[in-house]
Amino acid sequence: MEQMKGGEQEKEQAKGLECRRCGCRHFYVTHTLQLPDGRIKRRRVCRHCGTPIVTFEVPLGYVSENARK
């Protein structure tokens, strides 16, 4: 382990999706839907165990309806 400033140790944080069931980071996208508010809804399935996951992606520069009011 690497020593950080002040003697603190840093644990590496993995980025991205991780299957809640098996911990795998590989998914198939089975369905993509553009929502009326500009977001993108994707249905994904874990390649290892088949657990479904739904994600909502927000484009850069997106302003939610709540922020507009």
N, C-alpha and C. Protein backbone atom coordinates (compact mmCIF):
# COMPACT_ATOMS: atom_id res chain seq x y z
N MET A 1 0.83 -1.19 0.00
CA MET A 1 0.00 0.00 0.00
C MET A 1 0.87 1.25 0.00
N GLU A 2 0.40 2.25 -0.71
CA GLU A 2 1.15 3.49 -0.77
C GLU A 2 0.76 4.39 0.39
N GLN A 3 1.74 5.10 0.90
CA GLN A 3 1.49 6.06 1.97
C GLN A 3 1.10 7.39 1.36
N MET A 4 0.05 7.99 1.86
CA MET A 4 -0.40 9.30 1.38
C MET A 4 0.12 10.37 2.33
N LYS A 5 -0.04 11.62 1.96
CA LYS A 5 0.37 12.74 2.78
C LYS A 5 -0.25 12.65 4.17
N GLY A 6 0.51 12.86 5.19
CA GLY A 6 -0.01 12.83 6.55
C GLY A 6 -0.21 11.40 7.06
N GLY A 7 0.32 10.40 6.36
CA GLY A 7 0.21 9.02 6.82
C GLY A 7 -1.11 8.35 6.49
N GLU A 8 -1.99 9.04 5.75
CA GLU A 8 -3.28 8.45 5.40
C GLU A 8 -3.09 7.46 4.26
N GLN A 9 -3.82 6.38 4.30
CA GLN A 9 -3.78 5.42 3.21
C GLN A 9 -5.02 5.59 2.37
N GLU A 10 -4.82 5.60 1.05
CA GLU A 10 -5.95 5.81 0.13
C GLU A 10 -6.35 4.48 -0.49
N LYS A 11 -7.62 4.17 -0.41
CA LYS A 11 -8.15 2.97 -1.05
C LYS A 11 -8.63 3.38 -2.44
N GLU A 12 -8.21 2.65 -3.46
CA GLU A 12 -8.61 3.00 -4.81
C GLU A 12 -10.10 2.79 -4.98
N GLN A 13 -10.77 3.80 -5.50
CA GLN A 13 -12.20 3.74 -5.76
C GLN A 13 -12.39 3.38 -7.24
N ALA A 14 -13.07 2.28 -7.50
CA ALA A 14 -13.35 1.88 -8.87
C ALA A 14 -14.50 2.74 -9.39
N LYS A 15 -14.41 3.12 -10.66
CA LYS A 15 -15.46 3.93 -11.27
C LYS A 15 -16.31 3.06 -12.17
N GLY A 16 -17.55 3.47 -12.37
CA GLY A 16 -18.44 2.77 -13.27
C GLY A 16 -19.41 1.86 -12.55
N LEU A 17 -20.16 1.12 -13.35
CA LEU A 17 -21.18 0.21 -12.81
C LEU A 17 -20.56 -1.07 -12.29
N GLU A 18 -21.20 -1.61 -11.27
CA GLU A 18 -20.80 -2.91 -10.74
C GLU A 18 -22.06 -3.68 -10.40
N CYS A 19 -22.13 -4.93 -10.83
CA CYS A 19 -23.30 -5.76 -10.56
C CYS A 19 -23.45 -5.94 -9.05
N ARG A 20 -24.66 -5.73 -8.55
CA ARG A 20 -24.93 -5.87 -7.12
C ARG A 20 -24.88 -7.31 -6.67
N ARG A 21 -25.08 -8.23 -7.60
CA ARG A 21 -25.14 -9.64 -7.24
C ARG A 21 -23.77 -10.32 -7.26
N CYS A 22 -23.00 -10.10 -8.36
CA CYS A 22 -21.75 -10.85 -8.49
C CYS A 22 -20.50 -9.96 -8.53
N GLY A 23 -20.67 -8.62 -8.64
CA GLY A 23 -19.52 -7.72 -8.65
C GLY A 23 -18.89 -7.53 -10.02
N CYS A 24 -19.45 -8.15 -11.05
CA CYS A 24 -18.92 -8.04 -12.41
C CYS A 24 -19.11 -6.62 -12.93
N ARG A 25 -18.24 -6.16 -13.82
CA ARG A 25 -18.32 -4.81 -14.38
C ARG A 25 -18.64 -4.83 -15.87
N HIS A 26 -19.12 -5.96 -16.38
CA HIS A 26 -19.40 -6.10 -17.81
C HIS A 26 -20.89 -6.31 -18.02
N PHE A 27 -21.48 -5.47 -18.89
CA PHE A 27 -22.92 -5.50 -19.11
C PHE A 27 -23.24 -5.45 -20.60
N TYR A 28 -24.37 -6.05 -20.95
CA TYR A 28 -24.95 -5.89 -22.28
C TYR A 28 -26.05 -4.85 -22.17
N VAL A 29 -26.18 -3.97 -23.16
CA VAL A 29 -27.30 -3.03 -23.20
C VAL A 29 -28.40 -3.70 -24.02
N THR A 30 -29.57 -3.91 -23.41
CA THR A 30 -30.67 -4.60 -24.09
C THR A 30 -31.70 -3.65 -24.65
N HIS A 31 -31.80 -2.43 -24.10
CA HIS A 31 -32.81 -1.49 -24.56
C HIS A 31 -32.37 -0.07 -24.23
N THR A 32 -32.54 0.84 -25.17
CA THR A 32 -32.22 2.25 -24.97
C THR A 32 -33.44 3.08 -25.33
N LEU A 33 -33.79 4.05 -24.48
CA LEU A 33 -34.96 4.88 -24.68
C LEU A 33 -34.62 6.33 -24.39
N GLN A 34 -34.90 7.21 -25.35
CA GLN A 34 -34.73 8.66 -25.15
C GLN A 34 -35.98 9.16 -24.45
N LEU A 35 -35.86 9.72 -23.26
CA LEU A 35 -37.00 10.22 -22.51
C LEU A 35 -37.35 11.63 -22.98
N PRO A 36 -38.62 12.04 -22.81
CA PRO A 36 -39.05 13.37 -23.25
C PRO A 36 -38.27 14.52 -22.61
N ASP A 37 -37.75 14.32 -21.41
CA ASP A 37 -37.01 15.40 -20.73
C ASP A 37 -35.53 15.46 -21.13
N GLY A 38 -35.10 14.61 -22.07
CA GLY A 38 -33.73 14.66 -22.58
C GLY A 38 -32.80 13.60 -22.03
N ARG A 39 -33.20 12.95 -20.93
CA ARG A 39 -32.35 11.90 -20.38
C ARG A 39 -32.42 10.64 -21.24
N ILE A 40 -31.48 9.71 -21.03
CA ILE A 40 -31.46 8.45 -21.75
C ILE A 40 -31.59 7.32 -20.73
N LYS A 41 -32.56 6.46 -20.93
CA LYS A 41 -32.78 5.31 -20.06
C LYS A 41 -32.23 4.07 -20.76
N ARG A 42 -31.33 3.34 -20.08
CA ARG A 42 -30.76 2.12 -20.67
C ARG A 42 -31.02 0.95 -19.74
N ARG A 43 -31.48 -0.14 -20.33
CA ARG A 43 -31.64 -1.39 -19.59
C ARG A 43 -30.42 -2.24 -19.90
N ARG A 44 -29.74 -2.68 -18.85
CA ARG A 44 -28.52 -3.46 -19.01
C ARG A 44 -28.67 -4.79 -18.28
N VAL A 45 -27.90 -5.79 -18.75
CA VAL A 45 -27.92 -7.12 -18.14
C VAL A 45 -26.47 -7.53 -17.89
N CYS A 46 -26.19 -8.01 -16.69
CA CYS A 46 -24.85 -8.47 -16.35
C CYS A 46 -24.46 -9.65 -17.24
N ARG A 47 -23.29 -9.62 -17.82
CA ARG A 47 -22.83 -10.69 -18.71
C ARG A 47 -22.56 -11.98 -17.94
N HIS A 48 -22.24 -11.86 -16.66
CA HIS A 48 -21.89 -13.04 -15.87
C HIS A 48 -23.11 -13.75 -15.28
N CYS A 49 -23.96 -12.99 -14.57
CA CYS A 49 -25.07 -13.64 -13.85
C CYS A 49 -26.45 -13.31 -14.39
N GLY A 50 -26.56 -12.32 -15.31
CA GLY A 50 -27.85 -12.00 -15.91
C GLY A 50 -28.73 -11.05 -15.11
N THR A 51 -28.20 -10.45 -14.05
CA THR A 51 -28.98 -9.51 -13.25
C THR A 51 -29.26 -8.24 -14.06
N PRO A 52 -30.54 -7.82 -14.14
CA PRO A 52 -30.85 -6.59 -14.88
C PRO A 52 -30.58 -5.34 -14.05
N ILE A 53 -30.13 -4.27 -14.73
CA ILE A 53 -29.88 -2.98 -14.10
C ILE A 53 -30.43 -1.91 -15.04
N VAL A 54 -31.07 -0.89 -14.50
CA VAL A 54 -31.57 0.23 -15.30
C VAL A 54 -30.75 1.46 -14.93
N THR A 55 -30.24 2.16 -15.95
CA THR A 55 -29.49 3.38 -15.71
C THR A 55 -30.16 4.55 -16.42
N PHE A 56 -30.00 5.73 -15.87
CA PHE A 56 -30.48 6.96 -16.48
C PHE A 56 -29.27 7.84 -16.72
N GLU A 57 -29.04 8.20 -17.97
CA GLU A 57 -27.89 9.02 -18.32
C GLU A 57 -28.35 10.44 -18.59
N VAL A 58 -27.57 11.39 -18.12
CA VAL A 58 -27.90 12.81 -18.27
C VAL A 58 -26.87 13.44 -19.19
N PRO A 59 -27.31 14.03 -20.31
CA PRO A 59 -26.37 14.68 -21.23
C PRO A 59 -25.69 15.89 -20.58
N LEU A 60 -24.49 16.23 -21.05
CA LEU A 60 -23.79 17.42 -20.56
C LEU A 60 -24.65 18.65 -20.85
N GLY A 61 -24.71 19.56 -19.91
CA GLY A 61 -25.49 20.77 -20.09
C GLY A 61 -26.97 20.58 -19.81
N TYR A 62 -27.37 19.42 -19.30
CA TYR A 62 -28.77 19.13 -18.99
C TYR A 62 -29.23 19.94 -17.80
N VAL A 63 -30.41 20.56 -17.90
CA VAL A 63 -31.01 21.30 -16.79
C VAL A 63 -32.34 20.62 -16.46
N SER A 64 -32.48 20.15 -15.24
CA SER A 64 -33.70 19.44 -14.86
C SER A 64 -34.89 20.39 -14.83
N GLU A 65 -36.10 19.81 -14.90
CA GLU A 65 -37.32 20.63 -14.85
C GLU A 65 -37.45 21.37 -13.52
N ASN A 66 -36.99 20.76 -12.42
CA ASN A 66 -37.07 21.39 -11.12
C ASN A 66 -36.18 22.64 -11.06
N ALA A 67 -35.04 22.59 -11.74
CA ALA A 67 -34.12 23.74 -11.72
C ALA A 67 -34.64 24.88 -12.58
N ARG A 68 -35.48 24.59 -13.54
CA ARG A 68 -36.02 25.62 -14.45
C ARG A 68 -37.07 26.48 -13.77
N LYS A 69 -37.74 25.95 -12.76
CA LYS A 69 -38.86 26.66 -12.11
C LYS A 69 -38.39 27.73 -11.17
